Each structure stands twice: as C-alpha cells, then as structure tokens.
Amino acid sequence: MRGGSRDNEEMSLLEFSNEAMMRREAVAERLRQLADQLERHNDLEFDLEGIRYTVDVPDQIKLEVEFELDDDESSLEIEMTW
C-alpha cells in the first residue's frame, strides 16, 4: 500500500503489488484462479496484511496485453482497467 502524493497523479486508495519467482505451472495456476474469480464471482479477492479485500469488476473492462522480447529478458504484462 502506498501513500503520499505524486506529481500530476491521483493518489490510490489501495495498491497491492506482489512479485515472486515461481515455476511456470504455479504461474498458470494463479492466472486460472484469477480467471475463475472473474468468471464465476464477478470480483477479485486479495489478501493484504491479513485483511481480505474484494473488488467488484464490471461486465465491461479494458484488457491490455503487452509482450516484450529483449536480448537478456522477455516479459508479458497483462493489465485490466475499469
């Protein structure tokens, strides 16, 4: 969770970020869990410092998928906004 103000940006009420090195199969399972939450429950759940947050997701959302290939590293970013 981040606080404070940033130049020309609105402050987020809550920001959750999680980065971990995982096996490919574990990443696929996490993506399936997120997809199941969206499809079955129309929301996403996150645990932050022992508190569970549920975020309602509308029927229409913007999906951005970005793939980048470099000499030393490749990346795939998936972003949903509403």
C-alpha atoms as a PDB file:
ATOM      1  CA  MET A   1       0.000   0.000   0.000  1.00  0.00           C
ATOM      2  CA  ARG A   2       1.421   3.334  -0.960  1.00  0.00           C
ATOM      3  CA  GLY A   3       0.607   6.742   0.375  1.00  0.00           C
ATOM      4  CA  GLY A   4       1.699  10.269  -0.303  1.00  0.00           C
ATOM      5  CA  SER A   5       1.202  12.406  -3.349  1.00  0.00           C
ATOM      6  CA  ARG A   6       2.887  12.163  -6.712  1.00  0.00           C
ATOM      7  CA  ASP A   7       3.263  14.990  -9.212  1.00  0.00           C
ATOM      8  CA  ASN A   8       0.265  15.143 -11.581  1.00  0.00           C
ATOM      9  CA  GLU A   9      -1.064  11.758 -10.433  1.00  0.00           C
ATOM     10  CA  GLU A  10      -4.026  10.878  -8.279  1.00  0.00           C
ATOM     11  CA  MET A  11      -3.312   9.001  -5.080  1.00  0.00           C
ATOM     12  CA  SER A  12      -4.613   5.425  -4.990  1.00  0.00           C
ATOM     13  CA  LEU A  13      -6.929   4.394  -2.189  1.00  0.00           C
ATOM     14  CA  LEU A  14      -5.239   0.996  -2.148  1.00  0.00           C
ATOM     15  CA  GLU A  15      -2.432  -0.511  -4.159  1.00  0.00           C
ATOM     16  CA  PHE A  16      -1.475  -4.168  -3.991  1.00  0.00           C
ATOM     17  CA  SER A  17       1.671  -5.467  -5.639  1.00  0.00           C
ATOM     18  CA  ASN A  18       3.171  -8.926  -5.391  1.00  0.00           C
ATOM     19  CA  GLU A  19       6.256 -10.163  -7.181  1.00  0.00           C
ATOM     20  CA  ALA A  20       7.702 -13.647  -6.721  1.00  0.00           C
ATOM     21  CA  MET A  21       9.825 -16.130  -8.611  1.00  0.00           C
ATOM     22  CA  MET A  22       7.595 -19.139  -9.343  1.00  0.00           C
ATOM     23  CA  ARG A  23       7.581 -22.218 -11.527  1.00  0.00           C
ATOM     24  CA  ARG A  24       5.714 -21.849 -14.818  1.00  0.00           C
ATOM     25  CA  GLU A  25       3.000 -24.270 -13.651  1.00  0.00           C
ATOM     26  CA  ALA A  26       2.392 -22.238 -10.467  1.00  0.00           C
ATOM     27  CA  VAL A  27       2.033 -19.056 -12.529  1.00  0.00           C
ATOM     28  CA  ALA A  28      -0.509 -20.803 -14.767  1.00  0.00           C
ATOM     29  CA  GLU A  29      -2.469 -21.903 -11.686  1.00  0.00           C
ATOM     30  CA  ARG A  30      -2.517 -18.337 -10.294  1.00  0.00           C
ATOM     31  CA  LEU A  31      -3.791 -16.991 -13.621  1.00  0.00           C
ATOM     32  CA  ARG A  32      -6.516 -19.691 -13.628  1.00  0.00           C
ATOM     33  CA  GLN A  33      -7.555 -18.631 -10.112  1.00  0.00           C
ATOM     34  CA  LEU A  34      -7.895 -15.002 -11.225  1.00  0.00           C
ATOM     35  CA  ALA A  35      -9.836 -16.039 -14.334  1.00  0.00           C
ATOM     36  CA  ASP A  36     -12.186 -18.204 -12.230  1.00  0.00           C
ATOM     37  CA  GLN A  37     -12.850 -15.313  -9.836  1.00  0.00           C
ATOM     38  CA  LEU A  38     -13.740 -13.026 -12.739  1.00  0.00           C
ATOM     39  CA  GLU A  39     -15.944 -15.576 -14.484  1.00  0.00           C
ATOM     40  CA  ARG A  40     -17.773 -17.084 -11.506  1.00  0.00           C
ATOM     41  CA  HIS A  41     -17.912 -14.335  -8.920  1.00  0.00           C
ATOM     42  CA  ASN A  42     -17.582 -11.075 -10.896  1.00  0.00           C
ATOM     43  CA  ASP A  43     -14.965  -9.879  -8.434  1.00  0.00           C
ATOM     44  CA  LEU A  44     -11.343 -10.293  -7.404  1.00  0.00           C
ATOM     45  CA  GLU A  45     -10.063 -11.037  -3.907  1.00  0.00           C
ATOM     46  CA  PHE A  46      -6.714 -10.014  -2.470  1.00  0.00           C
ATOM     47  CA  ASP A  47      -5.182 -10.531   0.964  1.00  0.00           C
ATOM     48  CA  LEU A  48      -3.061  -7.665   2.242  1.00  0.00           C
ATOM     49  CA  GLU A  49      -1.538  -7.684   5.716  1.00  0.00           C
ATOM     50  CA  GLY A  50      -4.116 -10.199   6.946  1.00  0.00           C
ATOM     51  CA  ILE A  51      -7.111  -8.313   5.548  1.00  0.00           C
ATOM     52  CA  ARG A  52      -9.147  -9.696   2.646  1.00  0.00           C
ATOM     53  CA  TYR A  53     -10.225  -7.157   0.045  1.00  0.00           C
ATOM     54  CA  THR A  54     -12.941  -7.891  -2.520  1.00  0.00           C
ATOM     55  CA  VAL A  55     -13.059  -5.708  -5.621  1.00  0.00           C
ATOM     56  CA  ASP A  56     -16.193  -5.741  -7.786  1.00  0.00           C
ATOM     57  CA  VAL A  57     -15.453  -5.937 -11.507  1.00  0.00           C
ATOM     58  CA  PRO A  58     -17.977  -4.581 -14.030  1.00  0.00           C
ATOM     59  CA  ASP A  59     -19.171  -6.544 -17.057  1.00  0.00           C
ATOM     60  CA  GLN A  60     -17.037  -4.487 -19.465  1.00  0.00           C
ATOM     61  CA  ILE A  61     -13.327  -3.974 -18.769  1.00  0.00           C
ATOM     62  CA  LYS A  62     -10.320  -2.888 -20.821  1.00  0.00           C
ATOM     63  CA  LEU A  63      -7.689  -5.613 -21.319  1.00  0.00           C
ATOM     64  CA  GLU A  64      -4.164  -4.750 -22.400  1.00  0.00           C
ATOM     65  CA  VAL A  65      -1.612  -7.472 -23.186  1.00  0.00           C
ATOM     66  CA  GLU A  66       1.972  -6.450 -23.844  1.00  0.00           C
ATOM     67  CA  PHE A  67       4.822  -8.770 -24.840  1.00  0.00           C
ATOM     68  CA  GLU A  68       8.416  -7.605 -24.928  1.00  0.00           C
ATOM     69  CA  LEU A  69      11.422  -9.583 -26.159  1.00  0.00           C
ATOM     70  CA  ASP A  70      14.913  -8.339 -25.336  1.00  0.00           C
ATOM     71  CA  ASP A  71      18.362  -9.905 -25.570  1.00  0.00           C
ATOM     72  CA  ASP A  72      18.560 -10.630 -21.848  1.00  0.00           C
ATOM     73  CA  GLU A  73      14.911 -10.893 -20.768  1.00  0.00           C
ATOM     74  CA  SER A  74      11.379 -11.306 -22.075  1.00  0.00           C
ATOM     75  CA  SER A  75       8.193 -10.089 -20.402  1.00  0.00           C
ATOM     76  CA  LEU A  76       4.441 -10.473 -20.693  1.00  0.00           C
ATOM     77  CA  GLU A  77       2.287  -7.880 -18.965  1.00  0.00           C
ATOM     78  CA  ILE A  78      -1.457  -8.286 -18.559  1.00  0.00           C
ATOM     79  CA  GLU A  79      -3.404  -5.255 -17.370  1.00  0.00           C
ATOM     80  CA  MET A  80      -7.132  -4.885 -16.780  1.00  0.00           C
ATOM     81  CA  THR A  81      -8.677  -1.482 -16.097  1.00  0.00           C
ATOM     82  CA  TRP A  82     -12.211  -0.253 -15.470  1.00  0.00           C
END
